[in-house]
N, C-alpha and C. Protein backbone atom coordinates (compact mmCIF):
# COMPACT_ATOMS: atom_id res chain seq x y z
N UNK A 1 0.84 -1.18 0.00
CA UNK A 1 0.00 0.00 0.00
C UNK A 1 0.88 1.24 0.00
N UNK A 2 0.33 2.29 -0.56
CA UNK A 2 1.02 3.58 -0.58
C UNK A 2 0.15 4.60 0.11
N UNK A 3 0.73 5.38 1.00
CA UNK A 3 0.03 6.48 1.63
C UNK A 3 0.52 7.74 0.95
N UNK A 4 -0.41 8.52 0.46
CA UNK A 4 -0.05 9.70 -0.32
C UNK A 4 -0.92 10.86 0.14
N UNK A 5 -0.37 11.81 0.91
CA UNK A 5 -1.19 12.95 1.33
C UNK A 5 -1.59 13.80 0.13
N UNK A 6 -2.84 14.24 0.11
CA UNK A 6 -3.36 15.03 -1.00
C UNK A 6 -4.05 16.27 -0.46
N UNK A 7 -4.08 17.32 -1.28
CA UNK A 7 -4.83 18.52 -0.91
C UNK A 7 -6.32 18.20 -0.99
N UNK A 8 -7.13 19.01 -0.34
CA UNK A 8 -8.58 18.80 -0.37
C UNK A 8 -9.17 19.07 -1.75
N UNK A 9 -8.69 20.15 -2.40
CA UNK A 9 -9.17 20.54 -3.73
C UNK A 9 -7.95 20.90 -4.58
N UNK A 10 -7.88 20.33 -5.79
CA UNK A 10 -6.75 20.62 -6.68
C UNK A 10 -6.96 21.96 -7.38
N UNK A 11 -5.92 22.45 -8.00
CA UNK A 11 -5.97 23.70 -8.75
C UNK A 11 -7.03 23.65 -9.85
N UNK A 12 -7.24 22.47 -10.44
CA UNK A 12 -8.23 22.34 -11.50
C UNK A 12 -9.65 22.13 -10.96
N UNK A 13 -9.80 22.12 -9.63
CA UNK A 13 -11.13 22.04 -9.04
C UNK A 13 -11.59 20.65 -8.64
N UNK A 14 -10.73 19.65 -8.74
CA UNK A 14 -11.13 18.30 -8.33
C UNK A 14 -11.21 18.27 -6.81
N UNK A 15 -12.37 17.93 -6.28
CA UNK A 15 -12.60 17.90 -4.84
C UNK A 15 -12.23 16.52 -4.28
N UNK A 16 -10.94 16.32 -4.11
CA UNK A 16 -10.42 15.01 -3.70
C UNK A 16 -11.04 14.55 -2.39
N UNK A 17 -11.06 15.43 -1.40
CA UNK A 17 -11.55 15.03 -0.08
C UNK A 17 -13.01 14.58 -0.14
N UNK A 18 -13.84 15.31 -0.88
CA UNK A 18 -15.26 14.94 -0.99
C UNK A 18 -15.40 13.52 -1.54
N UNK A 19 -14.66 13.21 -2.60
CA UNK A 19 -14.77 11.90 -3.21
C UNK A 19 -14.18 10.80 -2.33
N UNK A 20 -13.09 11.09 -1.63
CA UNK A 20 -12.52 10.09 -0.73
C UNK A 20 -13.47 9.78 0.42
N UNK A 21 -14.11 10.82 0.96
CA UNK A 21 -15.08 10.62 2.05
C UNK A 21 -16.27 9.80 1.55
N UNK A 22 -16.74 10.10 0.34
CA UNK A 22 -17.86 9.33 -0.22
C UNK A 22 -17.51 7.86 -0.40
N UNK A 23 -16.30 7.60 -0.91
CA UNK A 23 -15.86 6.20 -1.09
C UNK A 23 -15.74 5.52 0.28
N UNK A 24 -15.16 6.22 1.25
CA UNK A 24 -15.00 5.64 2.59
C UNK A 24 -16.36 5.34 3.22
N UNK A 25 -17.32 6.25 3.05
CA UNK A 25 -18.67 6.02 3.59
C UNK A 25 -19.34 4.83 2.91
N UNK A 26 -19.19 4.74 1.61
CA UNK A 26 -19.78 3.63 0.87
C UNK A 26 -19.17 2.30 1.33
N UNK A 27 -17.85 2.26 1.44
CA UNK A 27 -17.19 1.04 1.91
C UNK A 27 -17.64 0.68 3.32
N UNK A 28 -17.78 1.69 4.17
CA UNK A 28 -18.25 1.45 5.54
C UNK A 28 -19.68 0.92 5.53
N UNK A 29 -20.54 1.52 4.70
CA UNK A 29 -21.93 1.08 4.58
C UNK A 29 -22.01 -0.37 4.11
N UNK A 30 -21.11 -0.76 3.22
CA UNK A 30 -21.07 -2.13 2.70
C UNK A 30 -20.26 -3.06 3.60
N UNK A 31 -19.86 -2.58 4.78
CA UNK A 31 -19.05 -3.34 5.74
C UNK A 31 -17.74 -3.82 5.12
N UNK A 32 -17.11 -2.91 4.37
CA UNK A 32 -15.82 -3.20 3.74
C UNK A 32 -14.79 -2.14 4.10
N UNK A 33 -14.85 -1.60 5.29
CA UNK A 33 -13.97 -0.49 5.66
C UNK A 33 -12.50 -0.88 5.71
N UNK A 34 -12.20 -2.17 5.75
CA UNK A 34 -10.79 -2.59 5.78
C UNK A 34 -10.33 -3.11 4.41
N UNK A 35 -11.13 -2.86 3.38
CA UNK A 35 -10.81 -3.33 2.02
C UNK A 35 -10.23 -2.20 1.19
N UNK A 36 -9.57 -2.54 0.08
CA UNK A 36 -9.16 -1.49 -0.85
C UNK A 36 -10.39 -0.79 -1.43
N UNK A 37 -10.23 0.44 -1.86
CA UNK A 37 -11.36 1.20 -2.41
C UNK A 37 -11.95 0.52 -3.63
N UNK A 38 -11.11 -0.03 -4.47
CA UNK A 38 -11.57 -0.73 -5.67
C UNK A 38 -11.44 -2.22 -5.42
N UNK A 39 -12.54 -2.81 -4.91
CA UNK A 39 -12.48 -4.22 -4.55
C UNK A 39 -13.69 -4.96 -5.09
N UNK A 40 -13.57 -6.28 -5.13
CA UNK A 40 -14.69 -7.10 -5.58
C UNK A 40 -15.61 -7.39 -4.40
N UNK A 41 -16.63 -8.22 -4.62
CA UNK A 41 -17.61 -8.52 -3.58
C UNK A 41 -16.98 -9.17 -2.35
N UNK A 42 -15.88 -9.88 -2.55
CA UNK A 42 -15.21 -10.54 -1.43
C UNK A 42 -14.21 -9.63 -0.72
N UNK A 43 -14.01 -8.41 -1.24
CA UNK A 43 -13.10 -7.47 -0.60
C UNK A 43 -11.69 -7.49 -1.13
N UNK A 44 -11.45 -8.23 -2.21
CA UNK A 44 -10.10 -8.29 -2.80
C UNK A 44 -9.93 -7.18 -3.83
N UNK A 45 -8.73 -6.63 -3.88
CA UNK A 45 -8.44 -5.54 -4.82
C UNK A 45 -8.73 -5.97 -6.25
N UNK A 46 -9.42 -5.09 -6.99
CA UNK A 46 -9.71 -5.36 -8.39
C UNK A 46 -8.43 -5.27 -9.22
N UNK A 47 -8.36 -6.07 -10.25
CA UNK A 47 -7.26 -5.98 -11.19
C UNK A 47 -7.56 -4.85 -12.18
N UNK A 48 -6.51 -4.34 -12.81
CA UNK A 48 -6.66 -3.23 -13.75
C UNK A 48 -7.69 -3.54 -14.83
N UNK A 49 -7.68 -4.76 -15.34
CA UNK A 49 -8.61 -5.11 -16.42
C UNK A 49 -10.06 -5.00 -15.96
N UNK A 50 -10.32 -5.27 -14.68
CA UNK A 50 -11.68 -5.17 -14.16
C UNK A 50 -12.12 -3.71 -14.01
N UNK A 51 -11.20 -2.86 -13.59
CA UNK A 51 -11.50 -1.43 -13.48
C UNK A 51 -11.73 -0.85 -14.87
N UNK A 52 -10.93 -1.29 -15.83
CA UNK A 52 -11.05 -0.79 -17.20
C UNK A 52 -12.39 -1.17 -17.83
N UNK A 53 -13.00 -2.26 -17.40
CA UNK A 53 -14.33 -2.64 -17.91
C UNK A 53 -15.37 -1.59 -17.55
N UNK A 54 -15.16 -0.86 -16.47
CA UNK A 54 -16.05 0.22 -16.07
C UNK A 54 -15.57 1.54 -16.67
N UNK A 55 -14.28 1.74 -16.66
CA UNK A 55 -13.63 2.98 -17.06
C UNK A 55 -13.77 3.26 -18.57
N UNK A 56 -13.54 2.27 -19.40
CA UNK A 56 -13.56 2.47 -20.85
C UNK A 56 -14.92 2.89 -21.40
N UNK A 57 -16.04 2.28 -20.99
CA UNK A 57 -17.33 2.77 -21.50
C UNK A 57 -17.60 4.23 -21.14
N UNK A 58 -17.13 4.67 -19.97
CA UNK A 58 -17.30 6.08 -19.58
C UNK A 58 -16.49 6.97 -20.53
N UNK A 59 -15.27 6.55 -20.83
CA UNK A 59 -14.44 7.33 -21.77
C UNK A 59 -15.06 7.37 -23.16
N UNK A 60 -15.63 6.24 -23.60
CA UNK A 60 -16.30 6.22 -24.91
C UNK A 60 -17.47 7.20 -24.92
N UNK A 61 -18.21 7.26 -23.82
CA UNK A 61 -19.34 8.17 -23.72
C UNK A 61 -18.87 9.63 -23.79
N UNK A 62 -17.78 9.94 -23.09
CA UNK A 62 -17.22 11.29 -23.14
C UNK A 62 -16.75 11.62 -24.55
N UNK A 63 -16.13 10.64 -25.20
CA UNK A 63 -15.61 10.84 -26.56
C UNK A 63 -16.74 11.17 -27.54
N UNK A 64 -17.90 10.57 -27.35
CA UNK A 64 -19.03 10.79 -28.25
C UNK A 64 -19.85 12.03 -27.89
N UNK A 65 -19.63 12.59 -26.70
CA UNK A 65 -20.42 13.71 -26.21
C UNK A 65 -20.05 14.99 -26.95
N UNK A 66 -21.04 15.62 -27.58
CA UNK A 66 -20.79 16.84 -28.36
C UNK A 66 -20.42 18.02 -27.48
N UNK A 67 -20.70 17.95 -26.19
CA UNK A 67 -20.34 19.04 -25.28
C UNK A 67 -18.85 19.05 -24.94
N UNK A 68 -18.16 17.97 -25.24
CA UNK A 68 -16.72 17.86 -24.96
C UNK A 68 -15.97 17.42 -26.22
N UNK A 69 -16.05 18.19 -27.30
CA UNK A 69 -15.49 17.73 -28.58
C UNK A 69 -13.98 17.57 -28.60
N UNK A 70 -13.27 18.32 -27.77
CA UNK A 70 -11.81 18.27 -27.81
C UNK A 70 -11.19 17.46 -26.67
N UNK A 71 -12.01 16.91 -25.80
CA UNK A 71 -11.47 16.20 -24.65
C UNK A 71 -10.79 14.90 -25.04
N UNK A 72 -11.47 14.07 -25.81
CA UNK A 72 -10.89 12.83 -26.32
C UNK A 72 -11.13 12.81 -27.82
N UNK A 73 -10.07 12.87 -28.63
CA UNK A 73 -10.22 12.95 -30.09
C UNK A 73 -11.04 11.78 -30.66
N UNK A 74 -11.88 12.10 -31.63
CA UNK A 74 -12.63 11.07 -32.33
C UNK A 74 -11.64 10.14 -33.03
N UNK A 75 -11.94 8.88 -33.07
CA UNK A 75 -11.07 7.92 -33.74
C UNK A 75 -9.97 7.37 -32.86
N UNK A 76 -9.72 7.98 -31.70
CA UNK A 76 -8.71 7.48 -30.77
C UNK A 76 -9.27 6.26 -30.06
N UNK A 77 -8.53 5.17 -30.07
CA UNK A 77 -8.97 3.95 -29.40
C UNK A 77 -8.66 4.07 -27.91
N UNK A 78 -9.68 4.41 -27.11
CA UNK A 78 -9.45 4.62 -25.68
C UNK A 78 -9.00 3.35 -24.97
N UNK A 79 -9.36 2.19 -25.50
CA UNK A 79 -8.95 0.94 -24.85
C UNK A 79 -7.46 0.69 -24.99
N UNK A 80 -6.83 1.36 -25.95
CA UNK A 80 -5.38 1.23 -26.15
C UNK A 80 -4.64 2.35 -25.42
N UNK A 81 -5.17 3.57 -25.52
CA UNK A 81 -4.45 4.74 -25.01
C UNK A 81 -4.73 5.07 -23.55
N UNK A 82 -5.79 4.55 -22.98
CA UNK A 82 -6.11 4.82 -21.58
C UNK A 82 -6.16 3.49 -20.82
N UNK A 83 -5.11 3.24 -20.07
CA UNK A 83 -5.00 2.01 -19.29
C UNK A 83 -4.72 2.37 -17.84
N UNK A 84 -5.32 1.67 -16.93
CA UNK A 84 -5.15 1.97 -15.50
C UNK A 84 -3.70 1.86 -15.05
N UNK A 85 -2.96 0.96 -15.64
CA UNK A 85 -1.59 0.74 -15.20
C UNK A 85 -0.70 1.95 -15.42
N UNK A 86 -1.01 2.79 -16.42
CA UNK A 86 -0.13 3.92 -16.72
C UNK A 86 -0.83 5.26 -16.81
N UNK A 87 -2.04 5.31 -17.27
CA UNK A 87 -2.68 6.57 -17.63
C UNK A 87 -2.75 7.58 -16.49
N UNK A 88 -3.08 7.14 -15.29
CA UNK A 88 -3.25 8.07 -14.19
C UNK A 88 -1.92 8.69 -13.78
N UNK A 89 -0.89 7.85 -13.68
CA UNK A 89 0.43 8.38 -13.30
C UNK A 89 0.97 9.29 -14.40
N UNK A 90 0.85 8.86 -15.64
CA UNK A 90 1.36 9.65 -16.76
C UNK A 90 0.62 10.99 -16.83
N UNK A 91 -0.68 10.96 -16.65
CA UNK A 91 -1.46 12.19 -16.69
C UNK A 91 -1.07 13.15 -15.57
N UNK A 92 -0.86 12.62 -14.38
CA UNK A 92 -0.45 13.46 -13.25
C UNK A 92 0.92 14.07 -13.51
N UNK A 93 1.84 13.29 -14.04
CA UNK A 93 3.17 13.81 -14.33
C UNK A 93 3.12 14.89 -15.41
N UNK A 94 2.32 14.67 -16.46
CA UNK A 94 2.20 15.67 -17.52
C UNK A 94 1.62 16.97 -16.99
N UNK A 95 0.58 16.87 -16.16
CA UNK A 95 -0.02 18.08 -15.59
C UNK A 95 0.96 18.80 -14.68
N UNK A 96 1.72 18.05 -13.90
CA UNK A 96 2.71 18.66 -13.00
C UNK A 96 3.76 19.42 -13.81
N UNK A 97 4.21 18.82 -14.91
CA UNK A 97 5.19 19.50 -15.77
C UNK A 97 4.59 20.75 -16.40
N UNK A 98 3.34 20.65 -16.89
CA UNK A 98 2.68 21.80 -17.50
C UNK A 98 2.50 22.94 -16.51
N UNK A 99 2.31 22.60 -15.23
CA UNK A 99 2.12 23.61 -14.20
C UNK A 99 3.45 24.16 -13.68
N UNK A 100 4.56 23.65 -14.21
CA UNK A 100 5.86 24.17 -13.84
C UNK A 100 6.45 23.62 -12.56
N UNK A 101 5.94 22.51 -12.07
CA UNK A 101 6.55 21.90 -10.89
C UNK A 101 7.96 21.46 -11.23
N UNK A 102 8.84 21.63 -10.30
CA UNK A 102 10.23 21.25 -10.52
C UNK A 102 10.34 19.73 -10.67
N UNK A 103 11.27 19.32 -11.51
CA UNK A 103 11.50 17.90 -11.74
C UNK A 103 11.83 17.17 -10.44
N UNK A 104 12.58 17.83 -9.55
CA UNK A 104 12.96 17.18 -8.29
C UNK A 104 11.74 16.88 -7.43
N UNK A 105 10.70 17.73 -7.49
CA UNK A 105 9.46 17.47 -6.73
C UNK A 105 8.76 16.26 -7.31
N UNK A 106 8.66 16.22 -8.63
CA UNK A 106 8.00 15.09 -9.29
C UNK A 106 8.72 13.79 -8.98
N UNK A 107 10.04 13.80 -9.08
CA UNK A 107 10.83 12.59 -8.79
C UNK A 107 10.71 12.20 -7.33
N UNK A 108 10.70 13.17 -6.45
CA UNK A 108 10.60 12.91 -5.01
C UNK A 108 9.26 12.25 -4.69
N UNK A 109 8.20 12.77 -5.29
CA UNK A 109 6.86 12.22 -5.04
C UNK A 109 6.75 10.79 -5.56
N UNK A 110 7.43 10.50 -6.66
CA UNK A 110 7.31 9.17 -7.25
C UNK A 110 8.32 8.16 -6.72
N UNK A 111 8.81 8.40 -5.50
CA UNK A 111 9.72 7.45 -4.88
C UNK A 111 9.06 6.10 -4.63
N UNK A 112 7.73 6.07 -4.54
CA UNK A 112 7.04 4.80 -4.30
C UNK A 112 7.37 3.77 -5.37
N UNK A 113 7.69 4.24 -6.58
CA UNK A 113 8.06 3.31 -7.65
C UNK A 113 9.30 2.52 -7.30
N UNK A 114 10.21 3.16 -6.57
CA UNK A 114 11.42 2.44 -6.14
C UNK A 114 11.05 1.33 -5.15
N UNK A 115 10.08 1.58 -4.30
CA UNK A 115 9.64 0.55 -3.36
C UNK A 115 9.03 -0.62 -4.12
N UNK A 116 8.21 -0.33 -5.13
CA UNK A 116 7.59 -1.41 -5.91
C UNK A 116 8.63 -2.24 -6.63
N UNK A 117 9.61 -1.57 -7.23
CA UNK A 117 10.65 -2.29 -7.98
C UNK A 117 11.57 -3.10 -7.07
N UNK A 118 11.69 -2.70 -5.80
CA UNK A 118 12.59 -3.41 -4.89
C UNK A 118 11.99 -4.72 -4.39
N UNK A 119 10.70 -4.93 -4.64
CA UNK A 119 10.00 -6.18 -4.31
C UNK A 119 10.24 -6.65 -2.87
N UNK A 120 10.01 -5.75 -1.92
CA UNK A 120 10.07 -6.13 -0.52
C UNK A 120 11.37 -5.79 0.18
N UNK A 121 12.45 -5.59 -0.56
CA UNK A 121 13.70 -5.22 0.10
C UNK A 121 13.79 -3.69 0.14
N UNK A 122 14.71 -3.18 0.94
CA UNK A 122 14.87 -1.73 1.06
C UNK A 122 15.40 -1.15 -0.25
N UNK A 123 14.70 -0.18 -0.84
CA UNK A 123 15.17 0.39 -2.10
C UNK A 123 16.39 1.28 -1.88
N UNK A 124 17.15 1.45 -2.94
CA UNK A 124 18.29 2.35 -2.88
C UNK A 124 17.88 3.77 -3.21
N UNK A 125 18.19 4.69 -2.33
CA UNK A 125 17.88 6.10 -2.54
C UNK A 125 19.16 6.89 -2.73
N UNK A 126 19.07 8.00 -3.48
CA UNK A 126 20.21 8.90 -3.53
C UNK A 126 20.27 9.64 -2.19
N UNK A 127 21.31 10.41 -1.96
CA UNK A 127 21.51 11.03 -0.65
C UNK A 127 20.38 11.99 -0.28
N UNK A 128 19.87 12.77 -1.24
CA UNK A 128 18.77 13.68 -0.94
C UNK A 128 17.54 12.90 -0.47
N UNK A 129 17.22 11.84 -1.19
CA UNK A 129 16.06 11.03 -0.82
C UNK A 129 16.27 10.36 0.53
N UNK A 130 17.48 9.88 0.75
CA UNK A 130 17.79 9.17 2.00
C UNK A 130 17.60 10.08 3.22
N UNK A 131 18.12 11.31 3.15
CA UNK A 131 18.04 12.21 4.28
C UNK A 131 16.73 12.98 4.34
N UNK A 132 15.90 12.87 3.34
CA UNK A 132 14.61 13.55 3.33
C UNK A 132 13.50 12.60 3.75
N UNK A 133 13.82 11.68 4.63
CA UNK A 133 12.83 10.73 5.09
C UNK A 133 11.83 11.34 6.06
N UNK A 134 12.14 12.57 6.54
CA UNK A 134 11.24 13.19 7.51
C UNK A 134 9.84 13.30 6.96
N UNK A 135 8.88 13.03 7.82
CA UNK A 135 7.48 13.04 7.40
C UNK A 135 7.07 14.41 6.85
N UNK A 136 7.54 15.50 7.47
CA UNK A 136 7.11 16.82 7.02
C UNK A 136 7.63 17.13 5.61
N UNK A 137 8.87 16.73 5.30
CA UNK A 137 9.42 16.98 3.96
C UNK A 137 8.63 16.23 2.91
N UNK A 138 8.41 14.96 3.13
CA UNK A 138 7.65 14.16 2.18
C UNK A 138 6.22 14.68 2.05
N UNK A 139 5.62 15.00 3.18
CA UNK A 139 4.25 15.50 3.21
C UNK A 139 4.12 16.77 2.38
N UNK A 140 5.03 17.72 2.56
CA UNK A 140 4.95 18.98 1.84
C UNK A 140 5.18 18.80 0.34
N UNK A 141 6.08 17.91 -0.06
CA UNK A 141 6.32 17.66 -1.47
C UNK A 141 5.07 17.05 -2.12
N UNK A 142 4.45 16.11 -1.43
CA UNK A 142 3.27 15.45 -1.99
C UNK A 142 2.09 16.40 -2.07
N UNK A 143 1.92 17.26 -1.07
CA UNK A 143 0.84 18.25 -1.13
C UNK A 143 1.07 19.23 -2.27
N UNK A 144 2.31 19.66 -2.45
CA UNK A 144 2.65 20.56 -3.54
C UNK A 144 2.31 19.93 -4.88
N UNK A 145 2.62 18.66 -5.03
CA UNK A 145 2.35 17.95 -6.28
C UNK A 145 0.84 17.89 -6.54
N UNK A 146 0.07 17.44 -5.56
CA UNK A 146 -1.37 17.27 -5.79
C UNK A 146 -2.10 18.60 -5.93
N UNK A 147 -1.60 19.65 -5.28
CA UNK A 147 -2.27 20.95 -5.36
C UNK A 147 -2.24 21.52 -6.76
N UNK A 148 -1.23 21.20 -7.52
CA UNK A 148 -1.06 21.79 -8.84
C UNK A 148 -1.74 21.01 -9.95
N UNK A 149 -2.42 19.95 -9.65
CA UNK A 149 -3.10 19.16 -10.68
C UNK A 149 -4.49 19.67 -10.95
């Protein structure tokens, strides 16, 4: 699991806290408060392909909607270009770059990738990352990242 502090509302107006509270309430109502947010009936984390079965039809609907003609180009195969495994991280990184966030902030926030690649062993950090283990430093970098999206 990854713990990632986020701002309540992003620069683009996404009300993260509202949606997290709604998901938490729903999980609590369904007696799944100790399960991942995206889980099956038994409480096990959904695989990307299962989330995409819900996600892709929504994207197709947006693509066909005349009120959003430039959001998703016509003819673009959303099932190829929008995948849970990469799209969200790539989109966040692109927005952070467009908003002028420093590369060091983006790299610092994405340290979790080093944990995943280390497969249970302690990942190797450069000296800045190693000495920036303090909760306040990490917390402020992550808030800065999410605020600008």
